[in-house]
């Protein structure tokens, strides 16, 4: 199944350290990992939220990856608003297992920059 994940610069750097094969562990205050089911929703998050977030270095990055269909089916789909906003909820403690079901590499699809973005902070 093709999935998308909107991320910020710090998460991008951690993914890069794994040769684009794994998502990093969640932080203690993040109980779920949520890949999204369509590009439009991932773009909305990256463009509207990540670019305004200092923790993301004011950059929003949309990533795309494939995961094994049979494994992905175990996770319920959740709507975060409209029918466009469909995501999977993967418990943080299952992320390492989730990573082992990624097929190929995680790719960057698009990048967005906020008003407070500094060119010195990001080199993709």
PDB file of N, CA and C in Angstrom:
ATOM      1  N   UNK A   1       0.842  -1.179   0.000  1.00  0.00           N
ATOM      2  CA  UNK A   1       0.000   0.000   0.000  1.00  0.00           C
ATOM      3  C   UNK A   1       0.890   1.247   0.000  1.00  0.00           C
ATOM      4  N   UNK A   2       0.534   2.195  -0.807  1.00  0.00           N
ATOM      5  CA  UNK A   2       1.251   3.461  -0.843  1.00  0.00           C
ATOM      6  C   UNK A   2       0.743   4.348   0.291  1.00  0.00           C
ATOM      7  N   UNK A   3       1.673   4.896   1.058  1.00  0.00           N
ATOM      8  CA  UNK A   3       1.337   5.768   2.181  1.00  0.00           C
ATOM      9  C   UNK A   3       2.194   7.025   2.116  1.00  0.00           C
ATOM     10  N   UNK A   4       1.753   8.048   2.833  1.00  0.00           N
ATOM     11  CA  UNK A   4       2.468   9.315   2.888  1.00  0.00           C
ATOM     12  C   UNK A   4       2.669   9.709   4.344  1.00  0.00           C
ATOM     13  N   UNK A   5       3.712  10.491   4.590  1.00  0.00           N
ATOM     14  CA  UNK A   5       3.977  10.964   5.933  1.00  0.00           C
ATOM     15  C   UNK A   5       4.513  12.385   5.844  1.00  0.00           C
ATOM     16  N   UNK A   6       3.758  13.361   6.393  1.00  0.00           N
ATOM     17  CA  UNK A   6       4.273  14.727   6.457  1.00  0.00           C
ATOM     18  C   UNK A   6       5.244  14.825   7.634  1.00  0.00           C
ATOM     19  N   UNK A   7       6.403  15.421   7.398  1.00  0.00           N
ATOM     20  CA  UNK A   7       7.423  15.522   8.438  1.00  0.00           C
ATOM     21  C   UNK A   7       8.065  16.902   8.424  1.00  0.00           C
ATOM     22  N   UNK A   8       8.836  17.171   9.462  1.00  0.00           N
ATOM     23  CA  UNK A   8       9.643  18.383   9.538  1.00  0.00           C
ATOM     24  C   UNK A   8      11.106  18.044   9.306  1.00  0.00           C
ATOM     25  N   UNK A   9      11.956  19.030   9.416  1.00  0.00           N
ATOM     26  CA  UNK A   9      13.390  18.875   9.134  1.00  0.00           C
ATOM     27  C   UNK A   9      14.061  17.884  10.080  1.00  0.00           C
ATOM     28  N   UNK A  10      13.756  17.944  11.371  1.00  0.00           N
ATOM     29  CA  UNK A  10      14.419  17.046  12.326  1.00  0.00           C
ATOM     30  C   UNK A  10      14.089  15.589  12.039  1.00  0.00           C
ATOM     31  N   UNK A  11      12.829  15.301  11.736  1.00  0.00           N
ATOM     32  CA  UNK A  11      12.451  13.933  11.408  1.00  0.00           C
ATOM     33  C   UNK A  11      13.107  13.513  10.091  1.00  0.00           C
ATOM     34  N   UNK A  12      13.196  14.432   9.146  1.00  0.00           N
ATOM     35  CA  UNK A  12      13.887  14.141   7.885  1.00  0.00           C
ATOM     36  C   UNK A  12      15.332  13.713   8.147  1.00  0.00           C
ATOM     37  N   UNK A  13      16.027  14.456   9.002  1.00  0.00           N
ATOM     38  CA  UNK A  13      17.425  14.132   9.295  1.00  0.00           C
ATOM     39  C   UNK A  13      17.558  12.734   9.900  1.00  0.00           C
ATOM     40  N   UNK A  14      16.636  12.352  10.767  1.00  0.00           N
ATOM     41  CA  UNK A  14      16.675  11.022  11.384  1.00  0.00           C
ATOM     42  C   UNK A  14      16.384   9.921  10.363  1.00  0.00           C
ATOM     43  N   UNK A  15      15.470  10.178   9.447  1.00  0.00           N
ATOM     44  CA  UNK A  15      15.168   9.217   8.387  1.00  0.00           C
ATOM     45  C   UNK A  15      16.385   9.064   7.467  1.00  0.00           C
ATOM     46  N   UNK A  16      17.024  10.168   7.152  1.00  0.00           N
ATOM     47  CA  UNK A  16      18.211  10.155   6.298  1.00  0.00           C
ATOM     48  C   UNK A  16      19.306   9.282   6.911  1.00  0.00           C
ATOM     49  N   UNK A  17      19.463   9.325   8.248  1.00  0.00           N
ATOM     50  CA  UNK A  17      20.471   8.510   8.943  1.00  0.00           C
ATOM     51  C   UNK A  17      20.243   7.013   8.749  1.00  0.00           C
ATOM     52  N   UNK A  18      19.019   6.606   8.407  1.00  0.00           N
ATOM     53  CA  UNK A  18      18.714   5.186   8.190  1.00  0.00           C
ATOM     54  C   UNK A  18      18.752   4.827   6.703  1.00  0.00           C
ATOM     55  N   UNK A  19      19.340   5.680   5.897  1.00  0.00           N
ATOM     56  CA  UNK A  19      19.365   5.504   4.440  1.00  0.00           C
ATOM     57  C   UNK A  19      17.940   5.455   3.879  1.00  0.00           C
ATOM     58  N   UNK A  20      17.047   6.229   4.490  1.00  0.00           N
ATOM     59  CA  UNK A  20      15.659   6.364   4.062  1.00  0.00           C
ATOM     60  C   UNK A  20      14.894   5.038   4.122  1.00  0.00           C
ATOM     61  N   UNK A  21      15.167   4.250   5.162  1.00  0.00           N
ATOM     62  CA  UNK A  21      14.502   2.953   5.311  1.00  0.00           C
ATOM     63  C   UNK A  21      13.603   2.859   6.539  1.00  0.00           C
ATOM     64  N   UNK A  22      13.717   3.817   7.490  1.00  0.00           N
ATOM     65  CA  UNK A  22      12.942   3.725   8.729  1.00  0.00           C
ATOM     66  C   UNK A  22      12.503   5.101   9.214  1.00  0.00           C
ATOM     67  N   UNK A  23      11.367   5.105   9.877  1.00  0.00           N
ATOM     68  CA  UNK A  23      10.926   6.298  10.583  1.00  0.00           C
ATOM     69  C   UNK A  23      11.475   6.222  12.003  1.00  0.00           C
ATOM     70  N   UNK A  24      11.837   7.362  12.583  1.00  0.00           N
ATOM     71  CA  UNK A  24      12.433   7.343  13.929  1.00  0.00           C
ATOM     72  C   UNK A  24      11.390   7.040  15.006  1.00  0.00           C
ATOM     73  N   UNK A  25      11.857   6.563  16.157  1.00  0.00           N
ATOM     74  CA  UNK A  25      10.927   6.308  17.265  1.00  0.00           C
ATOM     75  C   UNK A  25      10.174   7.587  17.630  1.00  0.00           C
ATOM     76  N   UNK A  26       8.979   7.401  18.148  1.00  0.00           N
ATOM     77  CA  UNK A  26       8.176   8.543  18.587  1.00  0.00           C
ATOM     78  C   UNK A  26       8.782   9.118  19.865  1.00  0.00           C
ATOM     79  N   UNK A  27       8.540  10.386  20.097  1.00  0.00           N
ATOM     80  CA  UNK A  27       8.963  11.018  21.338  1.00  0.00           C
ATOM     81  C   UNK A  27       8.018  10.588  22.462  1.00  0.00           C
ATOM     82  N   UNK A  28       8.435  10.747  23.700  1.00  0.00           N
ATOM     83  CA  UNK A  28       7.657  10.244  24.835  1.00  0.00           C
ATOM     84  C   UNK A  28       6.226  10.765  24.866  1.00  0.00           C
ATOM     85  N   UNK A  29       5.983  11.912  24.308  1.00  0.00           N
ATOM     86  CA  UNK A  29       4.642  12.504  24.336  1.00  0.00           C
ATOM     87  C   UNK A  29       3.841  12.218  23.058  1.00  0.00           C
ATOM     88  N   UNK A  30       4.363  11.349  22.201  1.00  0.00           N
ATOM     89  CA  UNK A  30       3.699  11.000  20.943  1.00  0.00           C
ATOM     90  C   UNK A  30       3.284   9.523  20.972  1.00  0.00           C
ATOM     91  N   UNK A  31       2.047   9.227  21.346  1.00  0.00           N
ATOM     92  CA  UNK A  31       1.627   7.828  21.502  1.00  0.00           C
ATOM     93  C   UNK A  31       1.370   7.078  20.195  1.00  0.00           C
ATOM     94  N   UNK A  32       1.227   7.827  19.097  1.00  0.00           N
ATOM     95  CA  UNK A  32       0.960   7.142  17.821  1.00  0.00           C
ATOM     96  C   UNK A  32       1.837   7.711  16.713  1.00  0.00           C
ATOM     97  N   UNK A  33       2.031   6.874  15.707  1.00  0.00           N
ATOM     98  CA  UNK A  33       2.659   7.252  14.446  1.00  0.00           C
ATOM     99  C   UNK A  33       1.530   7.225  13.437  1.00  0.00           C
ATOM    100  N   UNK A  34       1.363   8.269  12.679  1.00  0.00           N
ATOM    101  CA  UNK A  34       0.224   8.300  11.757  1.00  0.00           C
ATOM    102  C   UNK A  34       0.633   8.564  10.313  1.00  0.00           C
ATOM    103  N   UNK A  35       0.818   7.510   9.530  1.00  0.00           N
ATOM    104  CA  UNK A  35       0.948   7.714   8.091  1.00  0.00           C
ATOM    105  C   UNK A  35      -0.430   8.044   7.525  1.00  0.00           C
ATOM    106  N   UNK A  36      -0.458   8.825   6.468  1.00  0.00           N
ATOM    107  CA  UNK A  36      -1.734   9.207   5.874  1.00  0.00           C
ATOM    108  C   UNK A  36      -1.918   8.503   4.534  1.00  0.00           C
ATOM    109  N   UNK A  37      -3.172   8.421   4.098  1.00  0.00           N
ATOM    110  CA  UNK A  37      -3.513   7.591   2.951  1.00  0.00           C
ATOM    111  C   UNK A  37      -3.529   8.304   1.610  1.00  0.00           C
ATOM    112  N   UNK A  38      -3.344   9.627   1.614  1.00  0.00           N
ATOM    113  CA  UNK A  38      -3.309  10.309   0.321  1.00  0.00           C
ATOM    114  C   UNK A  38      -2.396  11.531   0.367  1.00  0.00           C
ATOM    115  N   UNK A  39      -1.895  11.865  -0.781  1.00  0.00           N
ATOM    116  CA  UNK A  39      -0.954  12.977  -0.896  1.00  0.00           C
ATOM    117  C   UNK A  39      -1.587  14.311  -0.480  1.00  0.00           C
ATOM    118  N   UNK A  40      -2.827  14.533  -0.853  1.00  0.00           N
ATOM    119  CA  UNK A  40      -3.470  15.822  -0.588  1.00  0.00           C
ATOM    120  C   UNK A  40      -3.487  16.140   0.906  1.00  0.00           C
ATOM    121  N   UNK A  41      -3.786  15.150   1.725  1.00  0.00           N
ATOM    122  CA  UNK A  41      -3.817  15.364   3.174  1.00  0.00           C
ATOM    123  C   UNK A  41      -2.397  15.590   3.704  1.00  0.00           C
ATOM    124  N   UNK A  42      -1.443  14.813   3.232  1.00  0.00           N
ATOM    125  CA  UNK A  42      -0.050  14.992   3.658  1.00  0.00           C
ATOM    126  C   UNK A  42       0.452  16.380   3.277  1.00  0.00           C
ATOM    127  N   UNK A  43       0.096  16.825   2.081  1.00  0.00           N
ATOM    128  CA  UNK A  43       0.506  18.157   1.644  1.00  0.00           C
ATOM    129  C   UNK A  43      -0.106  19.235   2.532  1.00  0.00           C
ATOM    130  N   UNK A  44      -1.367  19.088   2.872  1.00  0.00           N
ATOM    131  CA  UNK A  44      -2.047  20.060   3.741  1.00  0.00           C
ATOM    132  C   UNK A  44      -1.320  20.190   5.080  1.00  0.00           C
ATOM    133  N   UNK A  45      -0.972  19.063   5.682  1.00  0.00           N
ATOM    134  CA  UNK A  45      -0.268  19.083   6.973  1.00  0.00           C
ATOM    135  C   UNK A  45       1.103  19.736   6.816  1.00  0.00           C
ATOM    136  N   UNK A  46       1.849  19.312   5.809  1.00  0.00           N
ATOM    137  CA  UNK A  46       3.198  19.848   5.593  1.00  0.00           C
ATOM    138  C   UNK A  46       3.163  21.344   5.315  1.00  0.00           C
ATOM    139  N   UNK A  47       2.235  21.763   4.466  1.00  0.00           N
ATOM    140  CA  UNK A  47       2.164  23.173   4.057  1.00  0.00           C
ATOM    141  C   UNK A  47       1.603  24.075   5.165  1.00  0.00           C
ATOM    142  N   UNK A  48       0.564  23.621   5.860  1.00  0.00           N
ATOM    143  CA  UNK A  48      -0.116  24.483   6.825  1.00  0.00           C
ATOM    144  C   UNK A  48       0.419  24.358   8.245  1.00  0.00           C
ATOM    145  N   UNK A  49       0.870  23.195   8.638  1.00  0.00           N
ATOM    146  CA  UNK A  49       1.283  22.997  10.030  1.00  0.00           C
ATOM    147  C   UNK A  49       2.793  23.012  10.187  1.00  0.00           C
ATOM    148  N   UNK A  50       3.485  22.160   9.413  1.00  0.00           N
ATOM    149  CA  UNK A  50       4.936  22.062   9.583  1.00  0.00           C
ATOM    150  C   UNK A  50       5.648  23.375   9.275  1.00  0.00           C
ATOM    151  N   UNK A  51       5.196  24.097   8.276  1.00  0.00           N
ATOM    152  CA  UNK A  51       5.866  25.349   7.902  1.00  0.00           C
ATOM    153  C   UNK A  51       5.688  26.453   8.939  1.00  0.00           C
ATOM    154  N   UNK A  52       4.744  26.267   9.853  1.00  0.00           N
ATOM    155  CA  UNK A  52       4.514  27.248  10.912  1.00  0.00           C
ATOM    156  C   UNK A  52       5.072  26.773  12.254  1.00  0.00           C
ATOM    157  N   UNK A  53       5.746  25.627  12.256  1.00  0.00           N
ATOM    158  CA  UNK A  53       6.190  24.988  13.496  1.00  0.00           C
ATOM    159  C   UNK A  53       7.708  25.096  13.662  1.00  0.00           C
ATOM    160  N   UNK A  54       8.122  25.721  14.751  1.00  0.00           N
ATOM    161  CA  UNK A  54       9.560  25.864  15.016  1.00  0.00           C
ATOM    162  C   UNK A  54      10.244  24.510  15.155  1.00  0.00           C
ATOM    163  N   UNK A  55       9.560  23.530  15.751  1.00  0.00           N
ATOM    164  CA  UNK A  55      10.138  22.188  15.912  1.00  0.00           C
ATOM    165  C   UNK A  55      10.409  21.523  14.564  1.00  0.00           C
ATOM    166  N   UNK A  56       9.737  21.966  13.524  1.00  0.00           N
ATOM    167  CA  UNK A  56       9.957  21.444  12.166  1.00  0.00           C
ATOM    168  C   UNK A  56      10.939  22.308  11.389  1.00  0.00           C
ATOM    169  N   UNK A  57      11.556  23.289  12.069  1.00  0.00           N
ATOM    170  CA  UNK A  57      12.434  24.267  11.419  1.00  0.00           C
ATOM    171  C   UNK A  57      11.710  25.013  10.310  1.00  0.00           C
ATOM    172  N   UNK A  58      10.391  25.150  10.465  1.00  0.00           N
ATOM    173  CA  UNK A  58       9.555  25.895   9.524  1.00  0.00           C
ATOM    174  C   UNK A  58       9.612  25.332   8.107  1.00  0.00           C
ATOM    175  N   UNK A  59       9.812  24.006   8.019  1.00  0.00           N
ATOM    176  CA  UNK A  59       9.808  23.313   6.729  1.00  0.00           C
ATOM    177  C   UNK A  59       8.862  22.128   6.816  1.00  0.00           C
ATOM    178  N   UNK A  60       8.065  21.935   5.782  1.00  0.00           N
ATOM    179  CA  UNK A  60       7.166  20.788   5.700  1.00  0.00           C
ATOM    180  C   UNK A  60       7.580  19.912   4.536  1.00  0.00           C
ATOM    181  N   UNK A  61       7.771  18.640   4.827  1.00  0.00           N
ATOM    182  CA  UNK A  61       8.268  17.698   3.820  1.00  0.00           C
ATOM    183  C   UNK A  61       7.264  16.560   3.701  1.00  0.00           C
ATOM    184  N   UNK A  62       6.838  16.265   2.496  1.00  0.00           N
ATOM    185  CA  UNK A  62       5.942  15.134   2.270  1.00  0.00           C
ATOM    186  C   UNK A  62       6.782  13.959   1.799  1.00  0.00           C
ATOM    187  N   UNK A  63       6.683  12.855   2.541  1.00  0.00           N
ATOM    188  CA  UNK A  63       7.373  11.632   2.140  1.00  0.00           C
ATOM    189  C   UNK A  63       6.349  10.613   1.660  1.00  0.00           C
ATOM    190  N   UNK A  64       6.838   9.691   0.829  1.00  0.00           N
ATOM    191  CA  UNK A  64       5.990   8.621   0.297  1.00  0.00           C
ATOM    192  C   UNK A  64       6.743   7.318   0.487  1.00  0.00           C
ATOM    193  N   UNK A  65       5.987   6.245   0.782  1.00  0.00           N
ATOM    194  CA  UNK A  65       6.614   4.938   0.923  1.00  0.00           C
ATOM    195  C   UNK A  65       5.575   3.851   0.702  1.00  0.00           C
ATOM    196  N   UNK A  66       6.061   2.660   0.466  1.00  0.00           N
ATOM    197  CA  UNK A  66       5.205   1.480   0.290  1.00  0.00           C
ATOM    198  C   UNK A  66       5.344   0.607   1.528  1.00  0.00           C
ATOM    199  N   UNK A  67       4.242  -0.004   1.932  1.00  0.00           N
ATOM    200  CA  UNK A  67       4.266  -0.960   3.037  1.00  0.00           C
ATOM    201  C   UNK A  67       3.454  -2.183   2.626  1.00  0.00           C
ATOM    202  N   UNK A  68       3.802  -3.312   3.207  1.00  0.00           N
ATOM    203  CA  UNK A  68       3.136  -4.572   2.868  1.00  0.00           C
ATOM    204  C   UNK A  68       1.642  -4.497   3.172  1.00  0.00           C
ATOM    205  N   UNK A  69       0.831  -4.775   2.169  1.00  0.00           N
ATOM    206  CA  UNK A  69      -0.630  -4.703   2.308  1.00  0.00           C
ATOM    207  C   UNK A  69      -1.157  -5.558   3.451  1.00  0.00           C
ATOM    208  N   UNK A  70      -0.699  -6.782   3.538  1.00  0.00           N
ATOM    209  CA  UNK A  70      -1.242  -7.691   4.564  1.00  0.00           C
ATOM    210  C   UNK A  70      -0.936  -7.194   5.969  1.00  0.00           C
ATOM    211  N   UNK A  71       0.219  -6.572   6.151  1.00  0.00           N
ATOM    212  CA  UNK A  71       0.560  -6.030   7.470  1.00  0.00           C
ATOM    213  C   UNK A  71      -0.258  -4.775   7.767  1.00  0.00           C
ATOM    214  N   UNK A  72      -0.377  -3.888   6.802  1.00  0.00           N
ATOM    215  CA  UNK A  72      -1.073  -2.609   6.982  1.00  0.00           C
ATOM    216  C   UNK A  72      -2.543  -2.816   7.335  1.00  0.00           C
ATOM    217  N   UNK A  73      -3.144  -3.884   6.854  1.00  0.00           N
ATOM    218  CA  UNK A  73      -4.570  -4.137   7.112  1.00  0.00           C
ATOM    219  C   UNK A  73      -4.902  -4.267   8.592  1.00  0.00           C
ATOM    220  N   UNK A  74      -3.929  -4.518   9.423  1.00  0.00           N
ATOM    221  CA  UNK A  74      -4.191  -4.668  10.859  1.00  0.00           C
ATOM    222  C   UNK A  74      -4.485  -3.333  11.555  1.00  0.00           C
ATOM    223  N   UNK A  75      -4.173  -2.231  10.887  1.00  0.00           N
ATOM    224  CA  UNK A  75      -4.382  -0.914  11.490  1.00  0.00           C
ATOM    225  C   UNK A  75      -5.678  -0.289  10.984  1.00  0.00           C
ATOM    226  N   UNK A  76      -6.453   0.249  11.930  1.00  0.00           N
ATOM    227  CA  UNK A  76      -7.709   0.901  11.567  1.00  0.00           C
ATOM    228  C   UNK A  76      -7.448   2.255  10.919  1.00  0.00           C
ATOM    229  N   UNK A  77      -8.301   2.579   9.968  1.00  0.00           N
ATOM    230  CA  UNK A  77      -8.259   3.902   9.353  1.00  0.00           C
ATOM    231  C   UNK A  77      -9.052   4.851  10.248  1.00  0.00           C
ATOM    232  N   UNK A  78      -8.546   6.068  10.403  1.00  0.00           N
ATOM    233  CA  UNK A  78      -9.215   7.094  11.195  1.00  0.00           C
ATOM    234  C   UNK A  78      -9.375   8.341  10.344  1.00  0.00           C
ATOM    235  N   UNK A  79     -10.476   9.028  10.537  1.00  0.00           N
ATOM    236  CA  UNK A  79     -10.704  10.306   9.870  1.00  0.00           C
ATOM    237  C   UNK A  79     -10.370  11.430  10.833  1.00  0.00           C
ATOM    238  N   UNK A  80      -9.576  12.372  10.379  1.00  0.00           N
ATOM    239  CA  UNK A  80      -9.224  13.542  11.178  1.00  0.00           C
ATOM    240  C   UNK A  80      -9.913  14.754  10.557  1.00  0.00           C
ATOM    241  N   UNK A  81     -11.219  14.705  10.529  1.00  0.00           N
ATOM    242  CA  UNK A  81     -11.993  15.768   9.901  1.00  0.00           C
ATOM    243  C   UNK A  81     -12.746  15.224   8.702  1.00  0.00           C
ATOM    244  N   UNK A  82     -12.475  15.776   7.540  1.00  0.00           N
ATOM    245  CA  UNK A  82     -13.187  15.376   6.321  1.00  0.00           C
ATOM    246  C   UNK A  82     -12.717  14.009   5.828  1.00  0.00           C
ATOM    247  N   UNK A  83     -13.417  13.483   4.837  1.00  0.00           N
ATOM    248  CA  UNK A  83     -13.060  12.179   4.276  1.00  0.00           C
ATOM    249  C   UNK A  83     -11.685  12.214   3.596  1.00  0.00           C
ATOM    250  N   UNK A  84     -11.190  13.394   3.265  1.00  0.00           N
ATOM    251  CA  UNK A  84      -9.853  13.549   2.699  1.00  0.00           C
ATOM    252  C   UNK A  84      -8.775  13.241   3.739  1.00  0.00           C
ATOM    253  N   UNK A  85      -9.085  13.472   5.003  1.00  0.00           N
ATOM    254  CA  UNK A  85      -8.105  13.389   6.085  1.00  0.00           C
ATOM    255  C   UNK A  85      -8.077  12.002   6.711  1.00  0.00           C
ATOM    256  N   UNK A  86      -7.659  11.021   5.931  1.00  0.00           N
ATOM    257  CA  UNK A  86      -7.653   9.637   6.381  1.00  0.00           C
ATOM    258  C   UNK A  86      -6.229   9.226   6.747  1.00  0.00           C
ATOM    259  N   UNK A  87      -6.097   8.616   7.939  1.00  0.00           N
ATOM    260  CA  UNK A  87      -4.792   8.214   8.425  1.00  0.00           C
ATOM    261  C   UNK A  87      -4.872   6.884   9.159  1.00  0.00           C
ATOM    262  N   UNK A  88      -3.730   6.247   9.290  1.00  0.00           N
ATOM    263  CA  UNK A  88      -3.636   5.031  10.090  1.00  0.00           C
ATOM    264  C   UNK A  88      -3.025   5.405  11.433  1.00  0.00           C
ATOM    265  N   UNK A  89      -3.447   4.720  12.479  1.00  0.00           N
ATOM    266  CA  UNK A  89      -2.857   4.960  13.791  1.00  0.00           C
ATOM    267  C   UNK A  89      -2.043   3.744  14.183  1.00  0.00           C
ATOM    268  N   UNK A  90      -0.741   3.927  14.226  1.00  0.00           N
ATOM    269  CA  UNK A  90       0.182   2.872  14.609  1.00  0.00           C
ATOM    270  C   UNK A  90       0.684   3.206  16.010  1.00  0.00           C
ATOM    271  N   UNK A  91       0.424   2.357  16.999  1.00  0.00           N
ATOM    272  CA  UNK A  91       0.932   2.633  18.343  1.00  0.00           C
ATOM    273  C   UNK A  91       2.457   2.810  18.329  1.00  0.00           C
ATOM    274  N   UNK A  92       2.945   3.768  19.082  1.00  0.00           N
ATOM    275  CA  UNK A  92       4.376   4.084  19.094  1.00  0.00           C
ATOM    276  C   UNK A  92       5.236   2.858  19.354  1.00  0.00           C
ATOM    277  N   UNK A  93       4.763   1.982  20.235  1.00  0.00           N
ATOM    278  CA  UNK A  93       5.558   0.798  20.569  1.00  0.00           C
ATOM    279  C   UNK A  93       5.625  -0.215  19.431  1.00  0.00           C
ATOM    280  N   UNK A  94       4.824  -0.027  18.377  1.00  0.00           N
ATOM    281  CA  UNK A  94       4.836  -0.937  17.225  1.00  0.00           C
ATOM    282  C   UNK A  94       5.567  -0.352  16.014  1.00  0.00           C
ATOM    283  N   UNK A  95       6.155   0.827  16.172  1.00  0.00           N
ATOM    284  CA  UNK A  95       6.773   1.489  15.020  1.00  0.00           C
ATOM    285  C   UNK A  95       7.961   0.710  14.457  1.00  0.00           C
ATOM    286  N   UNK A  96       8.776   0.110  15.307  1.00  0.00           N
ATOM    287  CA  UNK A  96       9.920  -0.650  14.794  1.00  0.00           C
ATOM    288  C   UNK A  96       9.438  -1.819  13.935  1.00  0.00           C
ATOM    289  N   UNK A  97       8.387  -2.495  14.363  1.00  0.00           N
ATOM    290  CA  UNK A  97       7.806  -3.584  13.572  1.00  0.00           C
ATOM    291  C   UNK A  97       7.232  -3.028  12.266  1.00  0.00           C
ATOM    292  N   UNK A  98       6.547  -1.897  12.357  1.00  0.00           N
ATOM    293  CA  UNK A  98       6.001  -1.238  11.172  1.00  0.00           C
ATOM    294  C   UNK A  98       7.125  -0.969  10.159  1.00  0.00           C
ATOM    295  N   UNK A  99       8.237  -0.426  10.656  1.00  0.00           N
ATOM    296  CA  UNK A  99       9.372  -0.126   9.782  1.00  0.00           C
ATOM    297  C   UNK A  99       9.870  -1.356   9.036  1.00  0.00           C
ATOM    298  N   UNK A 100       9.783  -2.509   9.661  1.00  0.00           N
ATOM    299  CA  UNK A 100      10.282  -3.731   9.018  1.00  0.00           C
ATOM    300  C   UNK A 100       9.381  -4.179   7.864  1.00  0.00           C
ATOM    301  N   UNK A 101       8.207  -3.568   7.731  1.00  0.00           N
ATOM    302  CA  UNK A 101       7.280  -3.911   6.646  1.00  0.00           C
ATOM    303  C   UNK A 101       7.256  -2.856   5.540  1.00  0.00           C
ATOM    304  N   UNK A 102       8.181  -1.894   5.620  1.00  0.00           N
ATOM    305  CA  UNK A 102       8.319  -0.907   4.545  1.00  0.00           C
ATOM    306  C   UNK A 102       9.052  -1.574   3.385  1.00  0.00           C
ATOM    307  N   UNK A 103       8.521  -1.387   2.195  1.00  0.00           N
ATOM    308  CA  UNK A 103       9.111  -1.956   0.984  1.00  0.00           C
ATOM    309  C   UNK A 103       9.938  -0.861   0.309  1.00  0.00           C
ATOM    310  N   UNK A 104      11.210  -1.109   0.119  1.00  0.00           N
ATOM    311  CA  UNK A 104      12.062  -0.112  -0.534  1.00  0.00           C
ATOM    312  C   UNK A 104      12.419   1.022   0.407  1.00  0.00           C
ATOM    313  N   UNK A 105      12.477   2.219  -0.148  1.00  0.00           N
ATOM    314  CA  UNK A 105      12.904   3.379   0.638  1.00  0.00           C
ATOM    315  C   UNK A 105      11.793   4.419   0.755  1.00  0.00           C
ATOM    316  N   UNK A 106      11.988   5.298   1.705  1.00  0.00           N
ATOM    317  CA  UNK A 106      11.094   6.441   1.932  1.00  0.00           C
ATOM    318  C   UNK A 106      11.604   7.559   1.014  1.00  0.00           C
ATOM    319  N   UNK A 107      10.728   8.116   0.197  1.00  0.00           N
ATOM    320  CA  UNK A 107      11.151   9.158  -0.743  1.00  0.00           C
ATOM    321  C   UNK A 107      10.501  10.494  -0.405  1.00  0.00           C
ATOM    322  N   UNK A 108      11.180  11.560  -0.747  1.00  0.00           N
ATOM    323  CA  UNK A 108      10.646  12.909  -0.588  1.00  0.00           C
ATOM    324  C   UNK A 108       9.863  13.245  -1.845  1.00  0.00           C
ATOM    325  N   UNK A 109       8.608  13.658  -1.641  1.00  0.00           N
ATOM    326  CA  UNK A 109       7.738  14.004  -2.763  1.00  0.00           C
ATOM    327  C   UNK A 109       7.712  15.510  -2.980  1.00  0.00           C
ATOM    328  N   UNK A 110       7.625  16.270  -1.880  1.00  0.00           N
ATOM    329  CA  UNK A 110       7.602  17.723  -2.004  1.00  0.00           C
ATOM    330  C   UNK A 110       8.054  18.362  -0.699  1.00  0.00           C
ATOM    331  N   UNK A 111       8.489  19.622  -0.822  1.00  0.00           N
ATOM    332  CA  UNK A 111       8.990  20.376   0.325  1.00  0.00           C
ATOM    333  C   UNK A 111       8.370  21.762   0.288  1.00  0.00           C
ATOM    334  N   UNK A 112       7.954  22.236   1.467  1.00  0.00           N
ATOM    335  CA  UNK A 112       7.354  23.564   1.601  1.00  0.00           C
ATOM    336  C   UNK A 112       8.100  24.322   2.694  1.00  0.00           C
ATOM    337  N   UNK A 113       8.215  25.640   2.525  1.00  0.00           N
ATOM    338  CA  UNK A 113       8.954  26.459   3.474  1.00  0.00           C
ATOM    339  C   UNK A 113       8.057  27.544   4.047  1.00  0.00           C
ATOM    340  N   UNK A 114       8.150  27.751   5.350  1.00  0.00           N
ATOM    341  CA  UNK A 114       7.387  28.803   6.013  1.00  0.00           C
ATOM    342  C   UNK A 114       8.109  30.135   5.952  1.00  0.00           C
ATOM    343  N   UNK A 115       7.437  31.173   6.397  1.00  0.00           N
ATOM    344  CA  UNK A 115       8.012  32.519   6.376  1.00  0.00           C
ATOM    345  C   UNK A 115       9.259  32.633   7.237  1.00  0.00           C
ATOM    346  N   UNK A 116       9.331  31.856   8.315  1.00  0.00           N
ATOM    347  CA  UNK A 116      10.467  31.937   9.233  1.00  0.00           C
ATOM    348  C   UNK A 116      11.563  30.929   8.900  1.00  0.00           C
ATOM    349  N   UNK A 117      11.442  30.252   7.784  1.00  0.00           N
ATOM    350  CA  UNK A 117      12.438  29.269   7.365  1.00  0.00           C
ATOM    351  C   UNK A 117      13.782  29.952   7.077  1.00  0.00           C
ATOM    352  N   UNK A 118      14.858  29.288   7.462  1.00  0.00           N
ATOM    353  CA  UNK A 118      16.195  29.794   7.181  1.00  0.00           C
ATOM    354  C   UNK A 118      16.896  28.834   6.223  1.00  0.00           C
ATOM    355  N   UNK A 119      17.377  29.338   5.116  1.00  0.00           N
ATOM    356  CA  UNK A 119      18.043  28.523   4.097  1.00  0.00           C
ATOM    357  C   UNK A 119      19.227  27.755   4.692  1.00  0.00           C
ATOM    358  N   UNK A 120      19.802  28.258   5.776  1.00  0.00           N
ATOM    359  CA  UNK A 120      20.965  27.613   6.378  1.00  0.00           C
ATOM    360  C   UNK A 120      20.590  26.341   7.138  1.00  0.00           C
ATOM    361  N   UNK A 121      19.322  26.137   7.417  1.00  0.00           N
ATOM    362  CA  UNK A 121      18.893  25.022   8.262  1.00  0.00           C
ATOM    363  C   UNK A 121      18.640  23.732   7.517  1.00  0.00           C
ATOM    364  N   UNK A 122      18.351  23.774   6.236  1.00  0.00           N
ATOM    365  CA  UNK A 122      17.918  22.565   5.553  1.00  0.00           C
ATOM    366  C   UNK A 122      18.654  22.369   4.239  1.00  0.00           C
ATOM    367  N   UNK A 123      19.138  21.173   4.062  1.00  0.00           N
ATOM    368  CA  UNK A 123      19.794  20.783   2.823  1.00  0.00           C
ATOM    369  C   UNK A 123      19.304  19.392   2.481  1.00  0.00           C
ATOM    370  N   UNK A 124      18.331  19.285   1.581  1.00  0.00           N
ATOM    371  CA  UNK A 124      17.769  17.988   1.210  1.00  0.00           C
ATOM    372  C   UNK A 124      18.538  17.374   0.065  1.00  0.00           C
TER     373      UNK A 124
END
